[in-house]
C-alpha cells in the first residue's frame, strides 16, 4: 500500500443493536432483523430462524425503512373542517377525538347498534376487531376478504376444512408436479419463491395456469394462458379425463371422504339430495361387508363407493355415483370445452395424463405408522407427489366459489390432500365448516351482539335475516342474495348505506380500507356517495371515522381520523385465533412490537379501539368497577383469554412461561416473545404430520394445543349439503323461502357438486377481458408511495397482447381509450406477447389521486398511473328485468373484479391519464424534493 492509498473501512458496522420483529410490507408476515444505529432504523434483513421466511426477504421487506419514514405519515388525530373530499382538517388531541367518536357512537349503541357499520381492510387482528364490534352490538362487521379471497377460503372449508396459503401449503420437499392457478406475486411471495427454488433444484415440474405470464408463471416449465373465468371448466375437464382413465384414488375416496355417503335420489321427496343419516345425525354409508347402511365412522365399517339402498320406496345412491354420472358426461370432454377455455383438447388431455402419471406411477410411501379415526393402524403413509396452489385469479369471478370447489375436488379424487407429496394443512387447520360458528345478527339496544358476526351457514335457517325477512346486515351478507358469504361484503357497504338499503346507518367506521380509490369498485361513484347530501343538506352517510397510518385518498372523505402507527412502531399479534403463520410441520405465531417509538402523536389502531371501548364502557373492555380492563393492545394480547387458558398467543403460557397452547396468563409473555425473536414455534409430532383430519395423533395434539376442545375427525365433503338445502328451498320446500326473482338462480348456481357457468354477462361491443394484479414489489397502495419501491413501479402501462396490438396498430409510446358499460379511461399501453390473446391487464393500485400520499402533483403515479377500478361497478348494467344484479359471486358475494369486459382503441396521447380528478388538500405537507439522511455517525 502506498502512502497515497486512502484507508477505507471495507466492513463498516451495520448497527449497534438488532431488534427482531415481524414484517408487514405484505401479508406473508416474515421474520425480520431490524438493525438500529443511534436509535434509528438503519437496515432490515430477514430473520434466518423464522419459520415463514428462514431469512429470505424481498424488495418490499427491505423497503420497510422507507415505509417507516414516509412523508405521508399522519401526525395527529384530525377533525374535518371543510367539505368532505376537500382534505381540510384541523389537528385535535386524542381526548377530543375519543369524545367526538363517542358522541356519535354512544347514542346509536343505546338506541340501535346496527346504525354502526364497522369494517376493516387488511387488518391482521380480526379476532380482536370482531370482538370489539360484537361488544358494541352491531351486526355490521367484516374485513376485506369479500374483495379478495372468500371464494377460495369458503370453498376450501366447506369442501375439506381449509384452502391454500394461510390454511395450507404444498409439500415442497416431496412434490414432483406443482400447478398454480391464478396466483399473482403479492400473495405468500417469499414462501412460494423458496418453494419454487426447492422444486427447480430437484427437477420437479411446474405448470402455471394464468392468462398473464409474469412472476411465478414466467418461471414455470409450462404456461397455460387460459381464458379468464374458465378455470373451473378446465379443471372439470381434467376431472373428466382422470375419471375416464380410471386414474383416481378409490381407496382414499372410499375411506376418507363422503364419496360413499348415501344420498336421497327420489326427485319427489322433500329430502331429495340430502344425505341419509342415523338418529344422531351421522352420515350413513353402504357397508360392503354387512350389506346395510352404517355410520361412516364405525370402527368395523367398510364403505362401498357403488352402494345403493332402497327403503320405503326411496332410492339412495352414493355421492360417488352422482359424481361419475356428472363428470363422465361429454359436457366436460376436452373437445367440448377447448374453445371456451382457450386450450386445445390435446393439451388438456396431456396435462391430465401428466397429473395421473406423477400421482400414481411415482407414488411412494413413508415408513411412518399412524392410527386413523376408526381405530385402524396403518404401517405406512401413502404419498402422491402432485400439489396445487391457487388464489385471487380464480376466486374473483362470479363463478369463483364453484371453481374453487372444483379445484379442491380435483385434489381429493387424486388422493393428494394431507398426504406426503401433496397439499398439507397448516395448524390450526383443518377445521370443517361445522367446527366454525354460524353467523349471528340479533341486535339488542345497549347490549352486545348475540354471537360472532361471521361464520358458516348450513341451510336457510342460518341466514342473517330480520323477522320480516329483510337483511339484518348493511352489506346483505348471509341473505338469499349471498347465502354463504363467510367474509361479508365490504365492497357493498357504502353503496347500500347510501341507498338506505336495507336501512340507513349513522356512522361508517373503517380501518385501512382505501374505499374512495383503489379498494372500491366504481371509484367515481363511491366518491360521490361519500359526499352526497340529502334534501336537508346533511350528508347521506352522517358520520365517517377512519384510521390509517398514511394520508391516503380515503382520509379526505372522512370526518374524524384516528392516526395509526407504522408497523415498526406498534404491537400486533399474528395469532392462531386469526390469520396464522403456521407451517405444515409446526404451529407458529408471532408479534410485532415497537422497535421504534413514534415521533408523532399517533397510536396503534387496536390500542385506540381498546381506549375508545373503555370510554364507552363496552363489555369486555372494562372491569366490574368500570375501570379500563386493558391499558393498550399489548396488555390485551397478554391478558385476554378467549376461553380459560386460551389466549391470542400459544407460546410461553403459564405463570412461569413453560406451557404451550393452553395455560394461565404469563405476565412476561411479551418479553419472552421478544427474546425469542418475535415468534413461537411448536413442532407437530412426526406421526401427526399427515392425514390430519383423520389421524388420531394429530387430533390429540391439536386438543393439547387448544385448536380444538375435543378431537374433531371428519370426512371430506364432495357433496355440499348446505347448498342442496338452499336448492330445496328454491324448489318450494321448507318454511324459509327465497324471493321469487332469486329462485332460479339458486337452483342453477347452488349445486351440491361443483359446476361451471359463464362468470359474466355479455354486453355488445365489450369483448376484451381486463384484469389487474399486484406485482411482487407491492402489496397495498402504500407500496407506490414508498421511495424505494416507486423506482420499481413508478407508473403502470396497460399491457396488450400481440393480436390486439397489431389489430389496433399500436406502437411503443401510444395511448389507448378503454371503455366498459360503466366508464372510460385513457392510458399508456405496452406490448406483451406472453398474454392470453383476448386479455389486457395492468398492475393494481399504482395510480394515485393528486394531493394524496404526500406525492408531488406531477408524480408519475398521478400523470401516467391509473386504475381499472374506474371501469368497474358494484352492480351490473340493467338487464331490462327491473333488477340491478350485484357484480359478485351469487353464492358468497365475493366481488367479481376479474369479470370486467371492455373495448380498446388507439387514441391521441393526453397530458395525463384519464380520468384525472382535481387535487385533494392534504393534512400532511408535501414531501421535500430531496430527502436524504445518514443513520449513525
Foldseek 3Di string as FASTA:
>chain_A
DDPPDDDDDPDDDQAPDWFWAWDVQAPLGFIWTFGAHPQAGRWIWGDLPTPRQNTDDDLSRRLLSLLQVFLQFDFAKWFADDFFLQFHTDHDHLVVQLVVVCVQLLVCLQPPNQLEAEEEEPDLPVVQVLVLSLLSFHLHYFYQCLAWFCLQAVLCQLFPQGGDQLWWDFLLQFFQEEEEEADFCRGSNSNVVVSVVSNVVVVGAYEYEDQFQDDPNVPGPHYHNWDFQCLLLLLLLLVLLCVVVVLFDVVLCQQFFQLQFWAWCDPPDLRHGPTDADPVRATWGQAPVVRHTDGSLALPGGGDNADWDADPRIIIGGNNVVVCVPSNDCCSQQCNCCVVTVHHNVVSNVVSVVLSCQQPVVKDWAQFWFAWSSGDIDRIFIAGQYEYYYTRRLQQFLQSNLSSNSVVVSCSRSVAEQGHNYMFTFPPDRDHLVNWDQAFQDGDRNGGTPDGSFGADQALVRAQADPVQFHSHLQSFCHLQANGQRRGNPQRNLVSCLVQVVHHHAEYEYEPQLDCPQNYFQNVVSSCLLSDDDPVRARSRRAYEYEDRGQASVSSSHRIYQYARRQLAAKDKNFSVGSHSGHLFKGKIFIHHNSHHDPRSHYHPQFSSLVSCLVSQRPPQADPVSHGPANGVVRQQQQPAPDAQAGRAQFQAECRRPGGQGHHGHPCVVVVCSVVSGMDIDGQDPNCSGPPLTTPSNQVVSCSNVSDVHRHRDHGQQQSNNLVNLLSLLVPDDDDHHDVVSSVVSVPSSGRHRDGDRRDDDDPPFAFFEEEEAHSQRHDLSSLSRPSSCVVPQAKAKEAEPLVCVVQVDDQPFWKWKAAPQAIKIAHYDYDHSRNNRYIYMYGNQAGAAQTSLEHCPRCSQFHHDHPSNRGDQWDPDPPPPDTRGCAHSHNRRNNRRVTTIHMHTDHDDRGMPPHDDHHHHPRHRDDPDDDDRRHD
